[in-house]
Amino acid sequence: MPAKSKAQQKAAGAVLAAKRGDIRKSDLKGASRGMAESMTEKELTDLASTKRKGKPEHVGGR
C-alpha cells in the first residue's frame, strides 16, 4: 500500500525507526503512535519506501 502523502511517508519512517530501536517509541507523536500499534514492519516499510515525487505534503481526510 503506497503512501498518499509526504506526511504519511514521514510518519511511517519514524515508526519504522522506533520499531527497529533507532529512536524511542515515547518520542512518537500524533498519527505515528497509532501506526506503531496497528501496523506490521512490512506494512511500514511499504509506506516509507514510496516514491515522494508528485506527492502532496498533506492529504485532507477524516
PDB file of N, CA and C in Angstrom:
ATOM      1  N   MET A   1       0.852  -1.168   0.000  1.00  0.00           N
ATOM      2  CA  MET A   1       0.000   0.000   0.000  1.00  0.00           C
ATOM      3  C   MET A   1       0.901   1.235   0.000  1.00  0.00           C
ATOM      4  N   PRO A   2       0.880   2.011  -1.041  1.00  0.00           N
ATOM      5  CA  PRO A   2       1.741   3.200  -1.111  1.00  0.00           C
ATOM      6  C   PRO A   2       1.204   4.349  -0.265  1.00  0.00           C
ATOM      7  N   ALA A   3       2.114   5.199   0.184  1.00  0.00           N
ATOM      8  CA  ALA A   3       1.727   6.388   0.949  1.00  0.00           C
ATOM      9  C   ALA A   3       0.982   7.353   0.044  1.00  0.00           C
ATOM     10  N   LYS A   4      -0.001   8.046   0.605  1.00  0.00           N
ATOM     11  CA  LYS A   4      -0.776   9.012  -0.166  1.00  0.00           C
ATOM     12  C   LYS A   4      -0.220  10.426  -0.043  1.00  0.00           C
ATOM     13  N   SER A   5       0.647  10.665   0.953  1.00  0.00           N
ATOM     14  CA  SER A   5       1.231  11.987   1.126  1.00  0.00           C
ATOM     15  C   SER A   5       2.632  11.868   1.726  1.00  0.00           C
ATOM     16  N   LYS A   6       3.373  12.974   1.652  1.00  0.00           N
ATOM     17  CA  LYS A   6       4.708  13.010   2.232  1.00  0.00           C
ATOM     18  C   LYS A   6       4.635  12.866   3.744  1.00  0.00           C
ATOM     19  N   ALA A   7       3.613  13.461   4.356  1.00  0.00           N
ATOM     20  CA  ALA A   7       3.462  13.384   5.809  1.00  0.00           C
ATOM     21  C   ALA A   7       3.239  11.941   6.261  1.00  0.00           C
ATOM     22  N   GLN A   8       2.430  11.193   5.524  1.00  0.00           N
ATOM     23  CA  GLN A   8       2.176   9.795   5.853  1.00  0.00           C
ATOM     24  C   GLN A   8       3.466   8.981   5.721  1.00  0.00           C
ATOM     25  N   GLN A   9       4.246   9.285   4.717  1.00  0.00           N
ATOM     26  CA  GLN A   9       5.502   8.576   4.495  1.00  0.00           C
ATOM     27  C   GLN A   9       6.501   8.875   5.619  1.00  0.00           C
ATOM     28  N   LYS A  10       6.571  10.129   6.042  1.00  0.00           N
ATOM     29  CA  LYS A  10       7.470  10.505   7.130  1.00  0.00           C
ATOM     30  C   LYS A  10       7.064   9.826   8.433  1.00  0.00           C
ATOM     31  N   ALA A  11       5.763   9.786   8.693  1.00  0.00           N
ATOM     32  CA  ALA A  11       5.267   9.137   9.909  1.00  0.00           C
ATOM     33  C   ALA A  11       5.615   7.651   9.900  1.00  0.00           C
ATOM     34  N   ALA A  12       5.447   6.999   8.774  1.00  0.00           N
ATOM     35  CA  ALA A  12       5.767   5.575   8.663  1.00  0.00           C
ATOM     36  C   ALA A  12       7.258   5.350   8.892  1.00  0.00           C
ATOM     37  N   GLY A  13       8.083   6.234   8.384  1.00  0.00           N
ATOM     38  CA  GLY A  13       9.528   6.119   8.590  1.00  0.00           C
ATOM     39  C   GLY A  13       9.908   6.271  10.053  1.00  0.00           C
ATOM     40  N   ALA A  14       9.242   7.180  10.753  1.00  0.00           N
ATOM     41  CA  ALA A  14       9.515   7.377  12.174  1.00  0.00           C
ATOM     42  C   ALA A  14       9.115   6.147  12.980  1.00  0.00           C
ATOM     43  N   VAL A  15       7.966   5.574  12.671  1.00  0.00           N
ATOM     44  CA  VAL A  15       7.510   4.380  13.377  1.00  0.00           C
ATOM     45  C   VAL A  15       8.439   3.211  13.091  1.00  0.00           C
ATOM     46  N   LEU A  16       8.872   3.086  11.874  1.00  0.00           N
ATOM     47  CA  LEU A  16       9.784   2.016  11.495  1.00  0.00           C
ATOM     48  C   LEU A  16      11.097   2.137  12.283  1.00  0.00           C
ATOM     49  N   ALA A  17      11.596   3.349  12.412  1.00  0.00           N
ATOM     50  CA  ALA A  17      12.815   3.576  13.190  1.00  0.00           C
ATOM     51  C   ALA A  17      12.604   3.201  14.656  1.00  0.00           C
ATOM     52  N   ALA A  18      11.424   3.503  15.189  1.00  0.00           N
ATOM     53  CA  ALA A  18      11.124   3.153  16.578  1.00  0.00           C
ATOM     54  C   ALA A  18      11.042   1.635  16.757  1.00  0.00           C
ATOM     55  N   LYS A  19      10.416   0.962  15.803  1.00  0.00           N
ATOM     56  CA  LYS A  19      10.301  -0.497  15.900  1.00  0.00           C
ATOM     57  C   LYS A  19      11.669  -1.167  15.805  1.00  0.00           C
ATOM     58  N   ARG A  20      12.571  -0.560  15.078  1.00  0.00           N
ATOM     59  CA  ARG A  20      13.913  -1.126  14.921  1.00  0.00           C
ATOM     60  C   ARG A  20      14.846  -0.714  16.057  1.00  0.00           C
ATOM     61  N   GLY A  21      14.392   0.201  16.923  1.00  0.00           N
ATOM     62  CA  GLY A  21      15.181   0.608  18.076  1.00  0.00           C
ATOM     63  C   GLY A  21      16.092   1.795  17.839  1.00  0.00           C
ATOM     64  N   ASP A  22      15.960   2.461  16.702  1.00  0.00           N
ATOM     65  CA  ASP A  22      16.794   3.623  16.411  1.00  0.00           C
ATOM     66  C   ASP A  22      16.355   4.848  17.207  1.00  0.00           C
ATOM     67  N   ILE A  23      15.071   4.955  17.491  1.00  0.00           N
ATOM     68  CA  ILE A  23      14.537   6.027  18.331  1.00  0.00           C
ATOM     69  C   ILE A  23      13.575   5.401  19.344  1.00  0.00           C
ATOM     70  N   ARG A  24      13.248   6.154  20.395  1.00  0.00           N
ATOM     71  CA  ARG A  24      12.339   5.640  21.421  1.00  0.00           C
ATOM     72  C   ARG A  24      10.896   5.765  20.955  1.00  0.00           C
ATOM     73  N   LYS A  25      10.075   4.788  21.295  1.00  0.00           N
ATOM     74  CA  LYS A  25       8.655   4.837  20.950  1.00  0.00           C
ATOM     75  C   LYS A  25       7.976   6.011  21.635  1.00  0.00           C
ATOM     76  N   SER A  26       8.486   6.432  22.778  1.00  0.00           N
ATOM     77  CA  SER A  26       7.895   7.557  23.504  1.00  0.00           C
ATOM     78  C   SER A  26       8.110   8.886  22.767  1.00  0.00           C
ATOM     79  N   ASP A  27       9.026   8.911  21.807  1.00  0.00           N
ATOM     80  CA  ASP A  27       9.266  10.126  21.012  1.00  0.00           C
ATOM     81  C   ASP A  27       8.250  10.301  19.885  1.00  0.00           C
ATOM     82  N   LEU A  28       7.462   9.267  19.602  1.00  0.00           N
ATOM     83  CA  LEU A  28       6.471   9.343  18.526  1.00  0.00           C
ATOM     84  C   LEU A  28       5.307  10.230  18.942  1.00  0.00           C
ATOM     85  N   LYS A  29       4.770  10.966  17.976  1.00  0.00           N
ATOM     86  CA  LYS A  29       3.662  11.880  18.233  1.00  0.00           C
ATOM     87  C   LYS A  29       2.577  11.684  17.189  1.00  0.00           C
ATOM     88  N   GLY A  30       1.381  12.083  17.535  1.00  0.00           N
ATOM     89  CA  GLY A  30       0.261  12.089  16.598  1.00  0.00           C
ATOM     90  C   GLY A  30      -0.052  10.732  16.006  1.00  0.00           C
ATOM     91  N   ALA A  31      -0.232  10.710  14.698  1.00  0.00           N
ATOM     92  CA  ALA A  31      -0.635   9.503  13.989  1.00  0.00           C
ATOM     93  C   ALA A  31       0.417   8.396  14.090  1.00  0.00           C
ATOM     94  N   SER A  32       1.656   8.778  14.306  1.00  0.00           N
ATOM     95  CA  SER A  32       2.724   7.788  14.407  1.00  0.00           C
ATOM     96  C   SER A  32       2.479   6.813  15.547  1.00  0.00           C
ATOM     97  N   ARG A  33       1.920   7.305  16.648  1.00  0.00           N
ATOM     98  CA  ARG A  33       1.665   6.424  17.795  1.00  0.00           C
ATOM     99  C   ARG A  33       0.660   5.336  17.438  1.00  0.00           C
ATOM    100  N   GLY A  34      -0.391   5.709  16.742  1.00  0.00           N
ATOM    101  CA  GLY A  34      -1.386   4.725  16.331  1.00  0.00           C
ATOM    102  C   GLY A  34      -0.839   3.745  15.323  1.00  0.00           C
ATOM    103  N   MET A  35      -0.008   4.230  14.423  1.00  0.00           N
ATOM    104  CA  MET A  35       0.590   3.368  13.412  1.00  0.00           C
ATOM    105  C   MET A  35       1.507   2.337  14.056  1.00  0.00           C
ATOM    106  N   ALA A  36       2.177   2.714  15.129  1.00  0.00           N
ATOM    107  CA  ALA A  36       3.115   1.809  15.793  1.00  0.00           C
ATOM    108  C   ALA A  36       2.406   0.573  16.326  1.00  0.00           C
ATOM    109  N   GLU A  37       1.187   0.743  16.797  1.00  0.00           N
ATOM    110  CA  GLU A  37       0.449  -0.370  17.380  1.00  0.00           C
ATOM    111  C   GLU A  37      -0.299  -1.187  16.333  1.00  0.00           C
ATOM    112  N   SER A  38      -0.733  -0.540  15.254  1.00  0.00           N
ATOM    113  CA  SER A  38      -1.651  -1.207  14.338  1.00  0.00           C
ATOM    114  C   SER A  38      -1.017  -1.761  13.063  1.00  0.00           C
ATOM    115  N   MET A  39       0.244  -1.436  12.786  1.00  0.00           N
ATOM    116  CA  MET A  39       0.855  -1.856  11.531  1.00  0.00           C
ATOM    117  C   MET A  39       2.076  -2.740  11.759  1.00  0.00           C
ATOM    118  N   THR A  40       2.279  -3.663  10.829  1.00  0.00           N
ATOM    119  CA  THR A  40       3.447  -4.533  10.894  1.00  0.00           C
ATOM    120  C   THR A  40       4.652  -3.815  10.291  1.00  0.00           C
ATOM    121  N   GLU A  41       5.833  -4.370  10.534  1.00  0.00           N
ATOM    122  CA  GLU A  41       7.052  -3.778   9.989  1.00  0.00           C
ATOM    123  C   GLU A  41       7.035  -3.814   8.457  1.00  0.00           C
ATOM    124  N   LYS A  42       6.473  -4.854   7.876  1.00  0.00           N
ATOM    125  CA  LYS A  42       6.372  -4.961   6.408  1.00  0.00           C
ATOM    126  C   LYS A  42       5.485  -3.850   5.848  1.00  0.00           C
ATOM    127  N   GLU A  43       4.335  -3.610   6.483  1.00  0.00           N
ATOM    128  CA  GLU A  43       3.428  -2.544   6.030  1.00  0.00           C
ATOM    129  C   GLU A  43       4.094  -1.187   6.145  1.00  0.00           C
ATOM    130  N   LEU A  44       4.815  -0.960   7.235  1.00  0.00           N
ATOM    131  CA  LEU A  44       5.508   0.311   7.423  1.00  0.00           C
ATOM    132  C   LEU A  44       6.614   0.499   6.394  1.00  0.00           C
ATOM    133  N   THR A  45       7.318  -0.572   6.069  1.00  0.00           N
ATOM    134  CA  THR A  45       8.371  -0.499   5.053  1.00  0.00           C
ATOM    135  C   THR A  45       7.775  -0.118   3.702  1.00  0.00           C
ATOM    136  N   ASP A  46       6.630  -0.704   3.362  1.00  0.00           N
ATOM    137  CA  ASP A  46       5.963  -0.377   2.099  1.00  0.00           C
ATOM    138  C   ASP A  46       5.567   1.093   2.057  1.00  0.00           C
ATOM    139  N   LEU A  47       5.026   1.609   3.158  1.00  0.00           N
ATOM    140  CA  LEU A  47       4.630   3.020   3.204  1.00  0.00           C
ATOM    141  C   LEU A  47       5.839   3.939   3.123  1.00  0.00           C
ATOM    142  N   ALA A  48       6.862   3.642   3.890  1.00  0.00           N
ATOM    143  CA  ALA A  48       8.029   4.516   3.965  1.00  0.00           C
ATOM    144  C   ALA A  48       8.845   4.517   2.678  1.00  0.00           C
ATOM    145  N   SER A  49       8.782   3.434   1.904  1.00  0.00           N
ATOM    146  CA  SER A  49       9.606   3.346   0.700  1.00  0.00           C
ATOM    147  C   SER A  49       8.918   3.877  -0.552  1.00  0.00           C
ATOM    148  N   THR A  50       7.733   4.449  -0.407  1.00  0.00           N
ATOM    149  CA  THR A  50       7.006   5.021  -1.538  1.00  0.00           C
ATOM    150  C   THR A  50       7.793   6.195  -2.124  1.00  0.00           C
ATOM    151  N   LYS A  51       7.787   6.327  -3.437  1.00  0.00           N
ATOM    152  CA  LYS A  51       8.436   7.466  -4.089  1.00  0.00           C
ATOM    153  C   LYS A  51       7.732   8.757  -3.677  1.00  0.00           C
ATOM    154  N   ARG A  52       8.496   9.816  -3.430  1.00  0.00           N
ATOM    155  CA  ARG A  52       7.929  11.074  -2.938  1.00  0.00           C
ATOM    156  C   ARG A  52       7.554  12.034  -4.064  1.00  0.00           C
ATOM    157  N   LYS A  53       8.103  11.829  -5.229  1.00  0.00           N
ATOM    158  CA  LYS A  53       7.860  12.765  -6.326  1.00  0.00           C
ATOM    159  C   LYS A  53       6.369  12.828  -6.661  1.00  0.00           C
ATOM    160  N   GLY A  54       5.820  14.031  -6.668  1.00  0.00           N
ATOM    161  CA  GLY A  54       4.438  14.239  -7.031  1.00  0.00           C
ATOM    162  C   GLY A  54       3.433  14.051  -5.900  1.00  0.00           C
ATOM    163  N   LYS A  55       3.914  13.727  -4.710  1.00  0.00           N
ATOM    164  CA  LYS A  55       3.014  13.544  -3.573  1.00  0.00           C
ATOM    165  C   LYS A  55       2.739  14.894  -2.910  1.00  0.00           C
ATOM    166  N   PRO A  56       1.493  15.131  -2.485  1.00  0.00           N
ATOM    167  CA  PRO A  56       1.219  16.353  -1.726  1.00  0.00           C
ATOM    168  C   PRO A  56       1.813  16.242  -0.318  1.00  0.00           C
ATOM    169  N   GLU A  57       2.044  17.375   0.335  1.00  0.00           N
ATOM    170  CA  GLU A  57       2.579  17.352   1.681  1.00  0.00           C
ATOM    171  C   GLU A  57       1.576  16.698   2.648  1.00  0.00           C
ATOM    172  N   HIS A  58       0.309  17.084   2.529  1.00  0.00           N
ATOM    173  CA  HIS A  58      -0.753  16.517   3.368  1.00  0.00           C
ATOM    174  C   HIS A  58      -1.950  16.199   2.507  1.00  0.00           C
ATOM    175  N   VAL A  59      -2.748  15.230   2.961  1.00  0.00           N
ATOM    176  CA  VAL A  59      -3.997  14.888   2.295  1.00  0.00           C
ATOM    177  C   VAL A  59      -5.102  15.079   3.314  1.00  0.00           C
ATOM    178  N   GLY A  60      -6.125  15.831   2.957  1.00  0.00           N
ATOM    179  CA  GLY A  60      -7.239  16.034   3.875  1.00  0.00           C
ATOM    180  C   GLY A  60      -8.017  14.750   4.073  1.00  0.00           C
ATOM    181  N   GLY A  61      -8.634  14.627   5.207  1.00  0.00           N
ATOM    182  CA  GLY A  61      -9.368  13.397   5.456  1.00  0.00           C
ATOM    183  C   GLY A  61     -10.206  13.477   6.704  1.00  0.00           C
ATOM    184  N   ARG A  62     -10.617  12.313   7.147  1.00  0.00           N
ATOM    185  CA  ARG A  62     -11.455  12.088   8.327  1.00  0.00           C
ATOM    186  C   ARG A  62     -12.878  12.239   8.010  1.00  0.00           C
TER     187      ARG A  62
END
